[in-house]
Amino acid sequence: MKYYCIGIKGTGMSTLAQMLYDMGNEVSGYDDAKDYKFTQKGLEKRGIKIFYDGNHSIDKDTIVTASRAFSDEHPEMKRVKELGLTFKPYNEVVGEITKEFDTISVSGTHGKTTTTSLLKHLFENTIGCNYFIGDGTGHIDMKNRLLVIESDEFNRHFLAYHPKKVIITCIELEHTEIYKDIEDTIKTFEEFANKAETVIANGDDLNIRKINFKNKVVFYGEDESNDYIIKDIKLETTGSTFTLYKKDELIDTFTVPLYGHHMVMNTVASIISALDEGVSKEKIKELLPTFKNANRRFAETKVGDTIIVDDYAHHPTEVKVTLEAIRQKYPDKKLTVVFRPNTYSRTSRFKKEFADALKVADKVYLTPIKCDREDPKDYPPIKSEDIIELIPGSELVDDDTVSKVLKDKDGVVAFMGCATVSHLIENFTKALENIE
């Protein structure tokens, strides 16, 4: 079959394109962004063609799918409609793929990408697996029985999936343009969870505990009421160590090169799932210390004495726990954060929460809000300066003025946001190299 992916450089669409190609399909795509993005690596490796204008033909038997960032009014969307091509929503195409395998869907407001990446690491080095990760990486080998897929609740996408097993890391209100309140969010997760034969869920999360599970559920956490109990957590500068029990039965003590309490929870979810698929605890213990996290998850580079961290954090909880994780690894270093807010709905709803989370850092910079899929006229007036007013000493920067962060170059400088921060990092790094 032939597929044409509009918004092909997006993290989800790039991954989907790679998987469709691996399944033997002919794949090409369109994107507005002409500058290089990290999601292109897998596309270029496969020779998947990317177009940047409408001056190319598309075969009539091509199936078109598109990112939600591209409205029906976008010229390329209008063009494929005029051509009379078959259109399938992104999540429906992904859902069709999940039918082909024993699918493990990793869901939750936070921690999906890391947990999916952990499972990929554990399975790829043992029993083999296919994977769909929200950092722009995906792979299909039809010989593999398992598919590990990051399953996003945004726009209720994951309801189109067909999982055999579901992991739920946590539930919080996030996509306020989609969900009216936390109860609406919980209800949707419940509908999704009950599609699976087995659910592995964070039992310490009060919102998860509100779900009425219809099938088998396995809870993990620190509370003694859970099926798997985590004890003796040690958060150190080299990573995190913990001991895992199945009720009163000792499983083992594990070490992982990840930082923050939340990463311990994500790791435990992956351990339980791997054990359930027949991977031995000895092999899991051997593999965890060699894990390297996904793209844009606590990604570190060093220029001179400055440590630069690139992270996808875009919700107040994610910002807070990531900054705390940096503190864990670098307790004696100054911590500066440059945060790019994404979406007017989220920034408006969580203005105070963002300010409180960012205060974990010693110095705070914000950029103007970046959002392609929302019209600011549809939401209460909000701008980054509204958050800056709540954080003493914080400042506004943008791609062209990020060099002002150089005065805070000593220590760790963390760039955060799900909207691209690549230009910020690139410009800051160039300015930094010029003075080193």
Protein backbone atom coordinates (compact mmCIF):
# COMPACT_ATOMS: atom_id res chain seq x y z
CA MET A 1 0.00 0.00 0.00
CA LYS A 2 1.00 3.65 -0.37
CA TYR A 3 0.84 6.19 2.46
CA TYR A 4 1.31 9.96 2.45
CA CYS A 5 1.93 11.44 5.90
CA ILE A 6 1.22 15.16 6.36
CA GLY A 7 3.29 16.57 9.22
CA ILE A 8 5.81 13.78 8.77
CA LYS A 9 8.46 15.44 10.94
CA GLY A 10 6.23 15.41 14.02
CA THR A 11 7.31 12.91 16.68
CA GLY A 12 4.24 10.71 16.30
CA MET A 13 3.89 10.98 12.53
CA SER A 14 7.59 10.33 11.95
CA THR A 15 7.35 7.16 14.01
CA LEU A 16 4.21 6.02 12.18
CA ALA A 17 5.86 6.62 8.80
CA GLN A 18 8.85 4.50 9.79
CA MET A 19 6.64 1.64 10.96
CA LEU A 20 4.49 1.70 7.82
CA TYR A 21 7.66 1.53 5.76
CA ASP A 22 9.01 -1.38 7.81
CA MET A 23 5.75 -3.25 7.14
CA GLY A 24 6.46 -3.12 3.42
CA ASN A 25 4.46 -0.04 2.43
CA GLU A 26 5.52 2.78 0.14
CA VAL A 27 5.73 5.92 2.30
CA SER A 28 6.32 9.62 1.66
CA GLY A 29 5.22 12.78 3.42
CA TYR A 30 4.91 16.53 3.69
CA ASP A 31 5.99 19.04 6.32
CA ASP A 32 6.06 22.81 6.65
CA ALA A 33 9.30 22.76 8.68
CA LYS A 34 12.26 22.89 6.32
CA ASP A 35 14.88 23.05 9.06
CA TYR A 36 16.41 19.81 10.32
CA LYS A 37 14.60 18.03 13.16
CA PHE A 38 15.84 15.05 15.17
CA THR A 39 12.80 13.08 13.96
CA GLN A 40 14.27 13.01 10.43
CA LYS A 41 16.99 10.51 11.32
CA GLY A 42 14.78 7.43 11.03
CA LEU A 43 13.07 8.77 7.91
CA GLU A 44 16.33 9.47 6.12
CA LYS A 45 17.74 6.08 7.11
CA ARG A 46 14.83 4.44 5.27
CA GLY A 47 14.96 6.80 2.31
CA ILE A 48 11.46 8.16 3.00
CA LYS A 49 10.89 11.23 0.82
CA ILE A 50 9.87 14.50 2.51
CA PHE A 51 8.19 17.24 0.45
CA TYR A 52 7.93 20.89 1.45
CA ASP A 53 5.49 22.18 -1.17
CA GLY A 54 2.58 20.97 -3.25
CA ASN A 55 4.50 20.73 -6.51
CA HIS A 56 4.57 16.94 -6.64
CA SER A 57 2.10 14.30 -7.71
CA ILE A 58 0.40 11.77 -5.41
CA ASP A 59 -0.91 8.48 -6.78
CA LYS A 60 -4.68 8.05 -6.61
CA ASP A 61 -4.41 4.82 -4.61
CA THR A 62 -2.49 6.55 -1.80
CA ILE A 63 -3.88 6.66 1.73
CA VAL A 64 -3.36 10.04 3.40
CA THR A 65 -2.99 10.62 7.13
CA ALA A 66 -2.18 13.86 8.92
CA SER A 67 -1.05 15.43 12.15
CA ARG A 68 -3.71 17.39 14.04
CA ALA A 69 -1.48 20.46 13.69
CA PHE A 70 -2.61 20.60 10.05
CA SER A 71 -6.15 21.93 9.79
CA ASP A 72 -8.52 21.31 6.90
CA GLU A 73 -7.65 24.82 5.69
CA HIS A 74 -3.97 24.01 5.21
CA PRO A 75 -3.06 24.11 1.48
CA GLU A 76 -1.77 20.52 1.48
CA MET A 77 -4.90 19.25 3.22
CA LYS A 78 -7.03 21.07 0.67
CA ARG A 79 -4.97 19.59 -2.15
CA VAL A 80 -5.39 15.96 -1.07
CA LYS A 81 -9.12 16.56 -0.65
CA GLU A 82 -9.38 18.02 -4.14
CA LEU A 83 -7.52 14.97 -5.47
CA GLY A 84 -10.17 12.75 -3.88
CA LEU A 85 -7.62 10.69 -1.96
CA THR A 86 -8.61 8.33 0.85
CA PHE A 87 -8.00 9.94 4.24
CA LYS A 88 -7.55 8.08 7.53
CA PRO A 89 -6.95 9.84 10.88
CA TYR A 90 -3.53 9.26 12.40
CA ASN A 91 -4.83 7.31 15.40
CA GLU A 92 -6.89 4.98 13.22
CA VAL A 93 -3.83 4.05 11.16
CA VAL A 94 -1.89 3.38 14.36
CA GLY A 95 -4.84 1.39 15.70
CA GLU A 96 -4.80 -0.87 12.64
CA ILE A 97 -1.13 -1.66 13.30
CA THR A 98 -1.84 -2.60 16.93
CA LYS A 99 -4.22 -5.33 15.71
CA GLU A 100 -1.33 -7.15 14.06
CA PHE A 101 0.64 -7.87 17.26
CA ASP A 102 0.41 -8.61 20.97
CA THR A 103 0.37 -4.93 21.85
CA ILE A 104 1.57 -3.47 25.13
CA SER A 105 0.20 0.08 25.34
CA VAL A 106 2.08 2.42 27.66
CA SER A 107 -0.25 5.21 28.82
CA GLY A 108 -0.32 7.91 31.48
CA THR A 109 -0.08 11.67 31.68
CA HIS A 110 3.67 11.49 32.28
CA GLY A 111 6.40 8.89 31.83
CA LYS A 112 5.12 7.23 28.66
CA THR A 113 8.20 7.75 26.51
CA THR A 114 10.72 6.62 29.11
CA THR A 115 8.66 3.57 30.12
CA THR A 116 8.19 2.56 26.48
CA SER A 117 11.92 3.04 25.87
CA LEU A 118 12.75 0.89 28.90
CA LEU A 119 10.52 -1.90 27.60
CA LYS A 120 12.09 -1.64 24.16
CA HIS A 121 15.53 -1.95 25.78
CA LEU A 122 14.55 -4.98 27.86
CA PHE A 123 12.71 -6.81 25.07
CA GLU A 124 15.01 -5.93 22.18
CA ASN A 125 17.91 -7.53 24.04
CA THR A 126 15.97 -10.66 25.00
CA ILE A 127 12.79 -11.87 23.28
CA GLY A 128 12.57 -9.21 20.56
CA CYS A 129 9.88 -6.57 19.98
CA ASN A 130 8.48 -3.95 17.68
CA TYR A 131 8.18 -0.44 19.09
CA PHE A 132 6.49 2.91 18.62
CA ILE A 133 8.06 5.62 20.77
CA GLY A 134 7.00 9.26 20.98
CA ASP A 135 10.52 10.55 20.44
CA GLY A 136 10.37 9.92 16.70
CA THR A 137 11.65 6.34 16.70
CA GLY A 138 9.83 3.21 15.61
CA HIS A 139 10.56 -0.20 14.14
CA ILE A 140 8.61 -3.19 12.86
CA ASP A 141 9.89 -6.70 12.17
CA MET A 142 6.97 -8.94 11.31
CA LYS A 143 8.73 -11.87 12.99
CA ASN A 144 8.32 -10.22 16.40
CA ARG A 145 5.20 -11.06 18.39
CA LEU A 146 5.25 -8.00 20.66
CA LEU A 147 4.55 -4.36 19.88
CA VAL A 148 5.39 -1.84 22.59
CA ILE A 149 3.62 1.44 21.87
CA GLU A 150 3.49 4.82 23.56
CA SER A 151 -0.24 5.51 23.81
CA ASP A 152 -1.25 9.15 24.10
CA GLU A 153 -4.53 10.28 25.64
CA PHE A 154 -4.38 13.53 23.63
CA ASN A 155 -7.59 13.91 21.61
CA ARG A 156 -8.51 10.46 23.02
CA HIS A 157 -6.23 8.95 20.37
CA PHE A 158 -5.53 5.75 22.28
CA LEU A 159 -9.18 4.67 22.18
CA ALA A 160 -8.54 3.56 18.59
CA TYR A 161 -5.84 1.12 19.73
CA HIS A 162 -6.25 -2.60 20.41
CA PRO A 163 -3.96 -3.49 23.32
CA LYS A 164 -3.49 -6.87 24.94
CA LYS A 165 -1.84 -5.22 27.93
CA VAL A 166 -2.04 -1.63 29.20
CA ILE A 167 0.37 0.19 31.50
CA ILE A 168 -0.86 3.34 33.29
CA THR A 169 1.93 5.38 34.89
CA CYS A 170 -0.19 8.21 36.35
CA ILE A 171 -3.26 10.32 35.62
CA GLU A 172 -3.44 14.11 35.85
CA LEU A 173 -5.40 16.78 34.04
CA GLU A 174 -3.32 18.02 31.14
CA HIS A 175 -5.07 18.52 27.81
CA THR A 176 -7.59 21.05 29.01
CA GLU A 177 -8.65 21.82 25.44
CA ILE A 178 -9.81 18.18 25.17
CA TYR A 179 -10.86 17.14 28.69
CA LYS A 180 -13.28 19.27 30.69
CA ASP A 181 -11.96 18.08 34.07
CA ILE A 182 -10.05 15.30 35.83
CA GLU A 183 -13.18 13.12 36.00
CA ASP A 184 -13.45 13.25 32.21
CA THR A 185 -9.78 12.24 31.99
CA ILE A 186 -10.20 9.31 34.40
CA LYS A 187 -13.30 8.10 32.55
CA THR A 188 -11.38 8.03 29.27
CA PHE A 189 -8.48 6.11 30.81
CA GLU A 190 -11.01 3.65 32.23
CA GLU A 191 -12.50 3.08 28.78
CA PHE A 192 -9.01 2.51 27.39
CA ALA A 193 -7.82 0.22 30.21
CA ASN A 194 -10.85 -2.03 29.89
CA LYS A 195 -9.95 -2.83 26.29
CA ALA A 196 -7.00 -4.89 27.58
CA GLU A 197 -6.73 -8.35 29.12
CA THR A 198 -4.25 -7.11 31.73
CA VAL A 199 -3.48 -3.69 33.23
CA ILE A 200 -0.27 -2.79 35.07
CA ALA A 201 -0.97 0.40 37.02
CA ASN A 202 0.62 2.77 39.52
CA GLY A 203 -1.36 1.93 42.64
CA ASP A 204 -0.03 4.95 44.54
CA ASP A 205 -1.83 7.26 42.11
CA LEU A 206 -5.20 8.23 43.60
CA ASN A 207 -6.74 9.00 40.22
CA ILE A 208 -5.82 5.56 38.88
CA ARG A 209 -7.42 3.99 41.95
CA LYS A 210 -10.74 5.60 40.92
CA ILE A 211 -10.89 3.46 37.77
CA ASN A 212 -13.37 0.59 37.73
CA PHE A 213 -11.18 -2.11 36.17
CA LYS A 214 -13.13 -4.90 34.46
CA ASN A 215 -10.22 -7.28 33.83
CA LYS A 216 -6.98 -8.30 35.54
CA VAL A 217 -5.09 -5.42 37.16
CA VAL A 218 -1.66 -5.49 38.80
CA PHE A 219 -0.79 -2.52 41.03
CA TYR A 220 2.72 -1.34 41.86
CA GLY A 221 4.02 1.35 44.20
CA GLU A 222 5.38 2.03 47.67
CA ASP A 223 2.11 1.49 49.50
CA GLU A 224 1.79 -1.96 51.11
CA SER A 225 -1.62 -2.46 49.44
CA ASN A 226 0.02 -2.88 46.02
CA ASP A 227 0.77 -6.22 44.36
CA TYR A 228 4.37 -5.16 43.72
CA ILE A 229 5.94 -3.08 46.48
CA ILE A 230 8.93 -0.77 46.08
CA LYS A 231 11.23 -0.31 49.07
CA ASP A 232 14.60 1.21 49.98
CA ILE A 233 14.68 3.80 47.18
CA LYS A 234 18.06 5.53 46.95
CA LEU A 235 18.34 8.57 44.68
CA GLU A 236 22.05 9.15 44.08
CA THR A 237 24.26 11.19 41.75
CA THR A 238 24.94 8.10 39.61
CA GLY A 239 21.31 7.01 39.28
CA SER A 240 18.60 5.32 41.32
CA THR A 241 18.48 2.04 43.26
CA PHE A 242 15.46 0.27 44.77
CA THR A 243 14.29 -3.12 45.99
CA LEU A 244 11.17 -4.73 44.55
CA TYR A 245 8.86 -7.22 46.26
CA LYS A 246 5.85 -9.17 45.04
CA LYS A 247 3.86 -8.85 48.24
CA ASP A 248 6.21 -10.52 50.80
CA GLU A 249 8.39 -12.24 48.19
CA LEU A 250 11.70 -10.50 47.43
CA ILE A 251 12.30 -10.16 43.70
CA ASP A 252 15.63 -8.30 43.68
CA THR A 253 17.39 -4.96 44.01
CA PHE A 254 17.74 -2.98 40.79
CA THR A 255 19.83 -0.01 39.66
CA VAL A 256 19.00 2.25 36.73
CA PRO A 257 20.89 5.31 35.39
CA LEU A 258 17.80 7.52 35.68
CA TYR A 259 17.06 10.34 38.08
CA GLY A 260 14.04 11.17 40.20
CA HIS A 261 11.43 9.21 42.13
CA HIS A 262 9.15 9.21 39.08
CA MET A 263 11.81 7.34 37.10
CA VAL A 264 11.87 4.60 39.72
CA MET A 265 8.12 4.18 39.22
CA ASN A 266 8.52 4.05 35.43
CA THR A 267 11.28 1.47 35.75
CA VAL A 268 9.15 -0.75 37.99
CA ALA A 269 6.31 -0.72 35.45
CA SER A 270 8.72 -1.94 32.79
CA ILE A 271 10.17 -4.63 35.08
CA ILE A 272 6.74 -6.06 35.88
CA SER A 273 5.78 -6.15 32.21
CA ALA A 274 9.07 -7.81 31.24
CA LEU A 275 8.70 -10.43 33.97
CA ASP A 276 5.16 -11.11 32.75
CA GLU A 277 6.52 -11.78 29.24
CA GLY A 278 9.06 -14.29 30.55
CA VAL A 279 12.22 -12.19 30.82
CA SER A 280 14.23 -13.31 33.86
CA LYS A 281 14.94 -10.97 36.77
CA GLU A 282 18.64 -11.71 36.29
CA LYS A 283 18.54 -10.48 32.70
CA ILE A 284 16.52 -7.40 33.68
CA LYS A 285 19.03 -6.58 36.42
CA GLU A 286 21.86 -6.94 33.90
CA LEU A 287 20.21 -4.76 31.24
CA LEU A 288 18.87 -1.83 33.28
CA PRO A 289 22.28 -0.21 33.98
CA THR A 290 22.96 -0.03 30.22
CA PHE A 291 19.73 1.85 29.43
CA LYS A 292 20.00 5.11 27.50
CA ASN A 293 16.91 7.30 27.61
CA ALA A 294 14.88 8.50 24.65
CA ASN A 295 15.46 11.60 22.54
CA ARG A 296 14.87 14.85 24.42
CA ARG A 297 14.52 13.12 27.82
CA PHE A 298 17.22 14.52 30.11
CA ALA A 299 19.55 14.66 27.07
CA GLU A 300 22.91 16.09 28.17
CA THR A 301 25.76 17.77 26.32
CA LYS A 302 28.74 19.63 27.74
CA VAL A 303 30.39 22.78 26.42
CA GLY A 304 33.36 23.82 28.52
CA ASP A 305 32.16 23.76 32.10
CA THR A 306 28.49 24.22 31.16
CA ILE A 307 26.16 21.21 31.17
CA ILE A 308 23.24 21.66 28.75
CA VAL A 309 20.10 19.56 29.30
CA ASP A 310 17.41 19.21 26.63
CA ASP A 311 14.10 17.88 27.96
CA TYR A 312 10.55 17.50 26.64
CA ALA A 313 8.90 18.56 29.94
CA HIS A 314 5.84 20.69 29.18
CA HIS A 315 3.44 20.13 32.12
CA PRO A 316 4.08 21.65 35.58
CA THR A 317 4.57 18.21 37.14
CA GLU A 318 7.08 17.22 34.44
CA VAL A 319 8.98 20.49 34.83
CA LYS A 320 9.18 20.09 38.60
CA VAL A 321 10.29 16.44 38.69
CA THR A 322 12.84 16.97 35.91
CA LEU A 323 14.40 19.94 37.68
CA GLU A 324 14.48 17.89 40.88
CA ALA A 325 16.12 15.05 38.94
CA ILE A 326 18.82 17.45 37.73
CA ARG A 327 19.34 18.47 41.36
CA GLN A 328 19.77 14.78 42.22
CA LYS A 329 22.54 14.32 39.65
CA TYR A 330 24.18 17.72 40.14
CA PRO A 331 23.45 18.74 43.74
CA ASP A 332 26.27 21.27 43.95
CA LYS A 333 25.79 23.06 40.64
CA LYS A 334 23.78 26.18 39.85
CA LEU A 335 20.61 25.29 37.93
CA THR A 336 19.23 27.60 35.24
CA VAL A 337 16.11 26.76 33.23
CA VAL A 338 14.92 28.13 29.88
CA PHE A 339 11.29 27.10 29.40
CA ARG A 340 9.21 27.40 26.24
CA PRO A 341 5.47 27.12 27.09
CA ASN A 342 3.35 25.17 24.63
CA THR A 343 -0.37 25.75 23.99
CA TYR A 344 -2.42 28.68 25.25
CA SER A 345 -4.92 26.36 26.94
CA ARG A 346 -2.30 24.62 29.10
CA THR A 347 -0.40 27.80 29.93
CA SER A 348 -3.58 29.64 30.92
CA ARG A 349 -4.89 26.75 33.04
CA PHE A 350 -1.59 26.06 34.85
CA LYS A 351 -0.02 29.52 35.07
CA LYS A 352 0.58 29.41 38.84
CA GLU A 353 1.61 25.74 38.77
CA PHE A 354 4.23 26.48 36.11
CA ALA A 355 5.61 29.32 38.19
CA ASP A 356 5.85 27.12 41.30
CA ALA A 357 7.54 24.31 39.35
CA LEU A 358 10.09 26.58 37.70
CA LYS A 359 11.10 28.03 41.07
CA VAL A 360 12.98 24.78 41.74
CA ALA A 361 15.72 26.32 39.56
CA ASP A 362 18.08 29.06 40.71
CA LYS A 363 17.40 31.21 37.65
CA VAL A 364 14.42 31.13 35.28
CA TYR A 365 13.98 32.28 31.69
CA LEU A 366 10.84 31.89 29.58
CA THR A 367 10.26 32.29 25.86
CA PRO A 368 7.03 33.44 24.22
CA ILE A 369 4.35 30.73 23.96
CA LYS A 370 4.81 28.42 20.98
CA CYS A 371 1.74 26.70 19.56
CA ASP A 372 0.80 25.67 16.04
CA ARG A 373 -2.51 23.98 16.75
CA GLU A 374 -4.34 26.67 18.78
CA ASP A 375 -5.61 30.15 18.03
CA PRO A 376 -4.91 32.44 21.02
CA LYS A 377 -8.26 34.15 20.38
CA ASP A 378 -10.01 30.97 21.54
CA TYR A 379 -8.56 31.14 25.07
CA PRO A 380 -8.28 33.58 27.97
CA PRO A 381 -5.51 36.11 27.32
CA ILE A 382 -2.19 34.60 28.37
CA LYS A 383 1.46 35.31 27.66
CA SER A 384 4.76 34.17 29.15
CA GLU A 385 5.15 37.50 30.91
CA ASP A 386 2.20 36.49 33.12
CA ILE A 387 4.32 33.65 34.53
CA ILE A 388 7.42 35.84 34.73
CA GLU A 389 5.52 38.20 37.03
CA LEU A 390 5.13 35.31 39.51
CA ILE A 391 8.85 34.41 39.58
CA PRO A 392 11.18 37.04 41.06
CA GLY A 393 14.24 37.63 38.89
CA SER A 394 12.95 35.68 35.89
CA GLU A 395 13.39 37.04 32.36
CA LEU A 396 12.02 36.69 28.82
CA VAL A 397 14.25 35.40 25.99
CA ASP A 398 13.74 34.08 22.47
CA ASP A 399 15.82 32.42 19.76
CA ASP A 400 17.57 35.68 18.91
CA THR A 401 18.18 36.86 22.49
CA VAL A 402 19.02 33.60 24.24
CA SER A 403 22.66 34.71 24.50
CA LYS A 404 21.64 36.73 27.56
CA VAL A 405 21.54 33.36 29.37
CA LEU A 406 25.36 33.35 29.12
CA LYS A 407 25.53 35.31 32.36
CA ASP A 408 24.13 32.20 34.03
CA LYS A 409 26.29 29.69 32.15
CA ASP A 410 28.01 28.28 35.22
CA GLY A 411 26.53 24.93 36.20
CA VAL A 412 23.54 23.35 34.43
CA VAL A 413 21.35 25.11 31.85
CA ALA A 414 18.15 23.15 31.14
CA PHE A 415 16.05 23.86 28.04
CA MET A 416 12.49 22.56 28.40
CA GLY A 417 9.31 22.38 26.36
CA CYS A 418 7.52 20.10 23.91
CA ALA A 419 7.60 22.83 21.28
CA THR A 420 10.97 22.80 19.59
CA VAL A 421 13.80 24.28 21.64
CA SER A 422 16.48 23.28 19.12
CA HIS A 423 17.07 26.83 17.89
CA LEU A 424 17.39 28.05 21.47
CA ILE A 425 19.98 25.40 22.27
CA GLU A 426 21.81 25.90 18.98
CA ASN A 427 22.08 29.68 19.42
CA PHE A 428 23.05 29.38 23.09
CA THR A 429 25.69 26.76 22.29
CA LYS A 430 27.21 28.91 19.52
CA ALA A 431 27.37 31.91 21.84
CA LEU A 432 28.90 29.73 24.55
CA GLU A 433 31.55 28.28 22.22
CA ASN A 434 32.54 31.78 21.14
CA ILE A 435 33.56 32.71 24.67
CA GLU A 436 35.09 29.39 25.72
